[in-house]
């Protein structure tokens, strides 16, 4: 089932802000989905790339996998910037 429009928009905006360049987004896709971004989405501006990858992931049942991978990377980035921040360890 497709997410409601407000959820879809939030997912889109979150990925777009976390991955402002195609190269960063391609790395996420390669390392976490085991695929090449260029094999999924033709080269385009980043807004189009993010939207098309979300649609691709949703159509193949891999949306949660994509979003969880992005969330993990965001937490790792945060820990590198602020290593004293705790994420749920009590």
N, C-alpha and C. Protein backbone atom coordinates (compact mmCIF):
# COMPACT_ATOMS: atom_id res chain seq x y z
N UNK A 1 0.84 -1.18 0.00
CA UNK A 1 0.00 0.00 0.00
C UNK A 1 0.88 1.25 0.00
N UNK A 2 0.53 2.19 -0.82
CA UNK A 2 1.30 3.44 -0.93
C UNK A 2 1.08 4.30 0.31
N UNK A 3 2.14 4.98 0.74
CA UNK A 3 1.98 5.88 1.88
C UNK A 3 1.08 7.06 1.51
N UNK A 4 0.41 7.65 2.51
CA UNK A 4 -0.40 8.83 2.23
C UNK A 4 0.48 9.97 1.71
N UNK A 5 -0.11 10.92 0.98
CA UNK A 5 0.68 12.00 0.39
C UNK A 5 1.56 12.77 1.38
N UNK A 6 1.08 13.01 2.59
CA UNK A 6 1.89 13.76 3.56
C UNK A 6 3.11 12.96 4.00
N UNK A 7 2.98 11.65 4.10
CA UNK A 7 4.10 10.78 4.47
C UNK A 7 5.08 10.70 3.30
N UNK A 8 4.55 10.53 2.12
CA UNK A 8 5.40 10.47 0.91
C UNK A 8 6.21 11.76 0.79
N UNK A 9 5.57 12.90 1.03
CA UNK A 9 6.27 14.19 0.94
C UNK A 9 7.38 14.28 2.00
N UNK A 10 7.09 13.82 3.21
CA UNK A 10 8.10 13.84 4.28
C UNK A 10 9.28 12.95 3.94
N UNK A 11 9.02 11.78 3.38
CA UNK A 11 10.10 10.87 2.96
C UNK A 11 10.95 11.54 1.89
N UNK A 12 10.30 12.14 0.94
CA UNK A 12 10.99 12.82 -0.16
C UNK A 12 11.87 13.95 0.37
N UNK A 13 11.31 14.81 1.21
CA UNK A 13 12.06 15.94 1.75
C UNK A 13 13.23 15.48 2.62
N UNK A 14 13.02 14.42 3.41
CA UNK A 14 14.09 13.91 4.27
C UNK A 14 15.25 13.38 3.43
N UNK A 15 14.96 12.61 2.40
CA UNK A 15 16.03 12.08 1.55
C UNK A 15 16.73 13.19 0.78
N UNK A 16 15.96 14.14 0.31
CA UNK A 16 16.54 15.24 -0.45
C UNK A 16 17.48 16.07 0.42
N UNK A 17 17.11 16.32 1.66
CA UNK A 17 17.99 17.12 2.51
C UNK A 17 19.19 16.31 3.00
N UNK A 18 19.01 15.01 3.21
CA UNK A 18 20.12 14.17 3.69
C UNK A 18 21.11 13.83 2.57
N UNK A 19 20.63 13.82 1.34
CA UNK A 19 21.47 13.45 0.19
C UNK A 19 21.33 14.51 -0.90
N UNK A 20 21.99 15.66 -0.71
CA UNK A 20 21.84 16.76 -1.68
C UNK A 20 22.54 16.51 -3.02
N UNK A 21 23.42 15.52 -3.08
CA UNK A 21 24.10 15.26 -4.35
C UNK A 21 23.83 13.83 -4.82
N UNK A 22 23.88 13.66 -6.12
CA UNK A 22 23.67 12.34 -6.71
C UNK A 22 24.75 11.36 -6.26
N UNK A 23 25.99 11.84 -6.12
CA UNK A 23 27.08 10.95 -5.71
C UNK A 23 26.82 10.36 -4.32
N UNK A 24 26.38 11.18 -3.38
CA UNK A 24 26.08 10.68 -2.03
C UNK A 24 24.93 9.69 -2.07
N UNK A 25 23.93 10.00 -2.87
CA UNK A 25 22.76 9.13 -3.00
C UNK A 25 23.15 7.81 -3.66
N UNK A 26 24.02 7.88 -4.65
CA UNK A 26 24.49 6.67 -5.34
C UNK A 26 25.24 5.76 -4.38
N UNK A 27 26.02 6.35 -3.49
CA UNK A 27 26.75 5.56 -2.49
C UNK A 27 25.78 4.84 -1.57
N UNK A 28 24.74 5.53 -1.11
CA UNK A 28 23.73 4.91 -0.26
C UNK A 28 23.11 3.70 -0.96
N UNK A 29 22.71 3.89 -2.19
CA UNK A 29 22.06 2.82 -2.96
C UNK A 29 23.00 1.65 -3.17
N UNK A 30 24.24 1.93 -3.50
CA UNK A 30 25.21 0.86 -3.77
C UNK A 30 25.53 0.07 -2.51
N UNK A 31 25.80 0.78 -1.41
CA UNK A 31 26.22 0.10 -0.19
C UNK A 31 25.09 -0.60 0.55
N UNK A 32 23.89 -0.06 0.47
CA UNK A 32 22.80 -0.62 1.26
C UNK A 32 21.79 -1.44 0.46
N UNK A 33 21.64 -1.13 -0.81
CA UNK A 33 20.71 -1.92 -1.64
C UNK A 33 21.44 -2.85 -2.59
N UNK A 34 22.76 -2.64 -2.71
CA UNK A 34 23.56 -3.50 -3.59
C UNK A 34 23.33 -3.25 -5.06
N UNK A 35 22.87 -2.05 -5.40
CA UNK A 35 22.55 -1.72 -6.78
C UNK A 35 23.24 -0.43 -7.19
N UNK A 36 23.34 -0.21 -8.49
CA UNK A 36 23.87 1.05 -9.00
C UNK A 36 22.71 2.00 -9.27
N UNK A 37 22.81 3.21 -8.75
CA UNK A 37 21.74 4.19 -8.95
C UNK A 37 21.47 4.42 -10.43
N UNK A 38 22.53 4.46 -11.23
CA UNK A 38 22.35 4.68 -12.68
C UNK A 38 21.59 3.55 -13.37
N UNK A 39 21.56 2.37 -12.76
CA UNK A 39 20.79 1.26 -13.33
C UNK A 39 19.30 1.38 -12.98
N UNK A 40 18.98 2.22 -11.99
CA UNK A 40 17.61 2.36 -11.52
C UNK A 40 16.97 3.65 -12.05
N UNK A 41 17.74 4.73 -11.95
CA UNK A 41 17.23 6.05 -12.28
C UNK A 41 18.18 6.72 -13.27
N UNK A 42 17.66 7.19 -14.36
CA UNK A 42 18.51 7.88 -15.34
C UNK A 42 19.01 9.19 -14.73
N UNK A 43 20.18 9.65 -15.16
CA UNK A 43 20.71 10.91 -14.64
C UNK A 43 19.72 12.05 -14.82
N UNK A 44 19.53 12.79 -13.73
CA UNK A 44 18.60 13.92 -13.72
C UNK A 44 18.97 14.80 -12.53
N UNK A 45 18.23 15.89 -12.36
CA UNK A 45 18.48 16.72 -11.18
C UNK A 45 18.13 15.91 -9.93
N UNK A 46 18.64 16.34 -8.78
CA UNK A 46 18.51 15.55 -7.56
C UNK A 46 17.05 15.39 -7.13
N UNK A 47 16.23 16.39 -7.33
CA UNK A 47 14.81 16.28 -6.95
C UNK A 47 14.13 15.14 -7.71
N UNK A 48 14.41 15.08 -9.00
CA UNK A 48 13.83 14.02 -9.83
C UNK A 48 14.40 12.66 -9.44
N UNK A 49 15.70 12.61 -9.18
CA UNK A 49 16.35 11.36 -8.80
C UNK A 49 15.74 10.80 -7.52
N UNK A 50 15.58 11.65 -6.51
CA UNK A 50 15.01 11.19 -5.24
C UNK A 50 13.58 10.69 -5.44
N UNK A 51 12.77 11.44 -6.16
CA UNK A 51 11.39 11.03 -6.38
C UNK A 51 11.31 9.71 -7.14
N UNK A 52 12.12 9.57 -8.18
CA UNK A 52 12.08 8.34 -8.97
C UNK A 52 12.59 7.14 -8.19
N UNK A 53 13.59 7.34 -7.35
CA UNK A 53 14.07 6.22 -6.54
C UNK A 53 13.03 5.82 -5.50
N UNK A 54 12.35 6.78 -4.90
CA UNK A 54 11.26 6.44 -3.97
C UNK A 54 10.19 5.63 -4.68
N UNK A 55 9.82 6.04 -5.88
CA UNK A 55 8.80 5.30 -6.64
C UNK A 55 9.29 3.90 -6.99
N UNK A 56 10.56 3.79 -7.39
CA UNK A 56 11.13 2.49 -7.71
C UNK A 56 11.10 1.59 -6.47
N UNK A 57 11.57 2.10 -5.34
CA UNK A 57 11.64 1.31 -4.11
C UNK A 57 10.25 0.87 -3.67
N UNK A 58 9.29 1.76 -3.76
CA UNK A 58 7.92 1.42 -3.38
C UNK A 58 7.35 0.33 -4.28
N UNK A 59 7.59 0.43 -5.57
CA UNK A 59 7.03 -0.54 -6.52
C UNK A 59 7.64 -1.93 -6.38
N UNK A 60 8.80 -2.01 -5.74
CA UNK A 60 9.48 -3.30 -5.57
C UNK A 60 9.51 -3.79 -4.13
N UNK A 61 8.75 -3.13 -3.27
CA UNK A 61 8.70 -3.54 -1.87
C UNK A 61 9.98 -3.27 -1.11
N UNK A 62 10.76 -2.28 -1.54
CA UNK A 62 12.04 -1.99 -0.90
C UNK A 62 12.08 -0.60 -0.26
N UNK A 63 10.91 0.01 -0.11
CA UNK A 63 10.86 1.35 0.43
C UNK A 63 11.38 1.39 1.87
N UNK A 64 10.93 0.48 2.70
CA UNK A 64 11.41 0.46 4.09
C UNK A 64 12.92 0.24 4.15
N UNK A 65 13.42 -0.64 3.31
CA UNK A 65 14.86 -0.90 3.27
C UNK A 65 15.64 0.37 2.93
N UNK A 66 15.17 1.11 1.94
CA UNK A 66 15.81 2.36 1.54
C UNK A 66 15.78 3.38 2.68
N UNK A 67 14.61 3.56 3.27
CA UNK A 67 14.46 4.56 4.33
C UNK A 67 15.24 4.19 5.58
N UNK A 68 15.26 2.91 5.93
CA UNK A 68 16.04 2.47 7.10
C UNK A 68 17.53 2.67 6.87
N UNK A 69 18.00 2.39 5.67
CA UNK A 69 19.42 2.60 5.36
C UNK A 69 19.78 4.08 5.47
N UNK A 70 18.93 4.93 4.94
CA UNK A 70 19.18 6.38 5.03
C UNK A 70 19.18 6.82 6.48
N UNK A 71 18.24 6.34 7.27
CA UNK A 71 18.16 6.72 8.68
C UNK A 71 19.40 6.27 9.44
N UNK A 72 19.89 5.08 9.17
CA UNK A 72 21.11 4.59 9.83
C UNK A 72 22.29 5.50 9.49
N UNK A 73 22.41 5.87 8.23
CA UNK A 73 23.52 6.74 7.83
C UNK A 73 23.42 8.11 8.49
N UNK A 74 22.22 8.62 8.64
CA UNK A 74 22.03 9.93 9.28
C UNK A 74 22.45 9.85 10.74
N UNK A 75 22.10 8.80 11.44
CA UNK A 75 22.51 8.63 12.83
C UNK A 75 24.03 8.54 12.92
N UNK A 76 24.65 7.80 12.03
CA UNK A 76 26.11 7.68 12.03
C UNK A 76 26.76 9.04 11.81
N UNK A 77 26.22 9.83 10.89
CA UNK A 77 26.74 11.18 10.66
C UNK A 77 26.63 12.02 11.93
N UNK A 78 25.49 11.93 12.60
CA UNK A 78 25.28 12.70 13.82
C UNK A 78 26.29 12.30 14.90
N UNK A 79 26.54 11.02 15.01
CA UNK A 79 27.49 10.55 16.01
C UNK A 79 28.91 11.04 15.72
N UNK A 80 29.25 11.18 14.46
CA UNK A 80 30.57 11.69 14.10
C UNK A 80 30.70 13.17 14.47
N UNK A 81 29.62 13.90 14.32
CA UNK A 81 29.64 15.34 14.61
C UNK A 81 29.55 15.59 16.12
N UNK A 82 28.69 14.84 16.80
CA UNK A 82 28.47 15.00 18.25
C UNK A 82 28.59 13.65 18.93
N UNK A 83 29.80 13.16 19.14
CA UNK A 83 29.96 11.82 19.71
C UNK A 83 29.40 11.66 21.12
N UNK A 84 29.12 12.76 21.82
CA UNK A 84 28.59 12.65 23.19
C UNK A 84 27.08 12.44 23.22
N UNK A 85 26.40 12.52 22.06
CA UNK A 85 24.96 12.33 22.01
C UNK A 85 24.62 10.85 22.09
N UNK A 86 23.63 10.52 22.91
CA UNK A 86 23.20 9.13 23.06
C UNK A 86 21.91 8.91 22.30
N UNK A 87 21.83 7.80 21.57
CA UNK A 87 20.62 7.45 20.82
C UNK A 87 19.98 6.22 21.43
N UNK A 88 19.34 6.38 22.58
CA UNK A 88 18.53 5.32 23.16
C UNK A 88 19.25 4.31 24.02
N UNK A 89 20.46 4.59 24.47
CA UNK A 89 21.17 3.64 25.32
C UNK A 89 21.02 3.98 26.80
N UNK A 90 19.90 4.53 27.16
CA UNK A 90 19.59 4.74 28.55
C UNK A 90 19.84 6.08 29.01
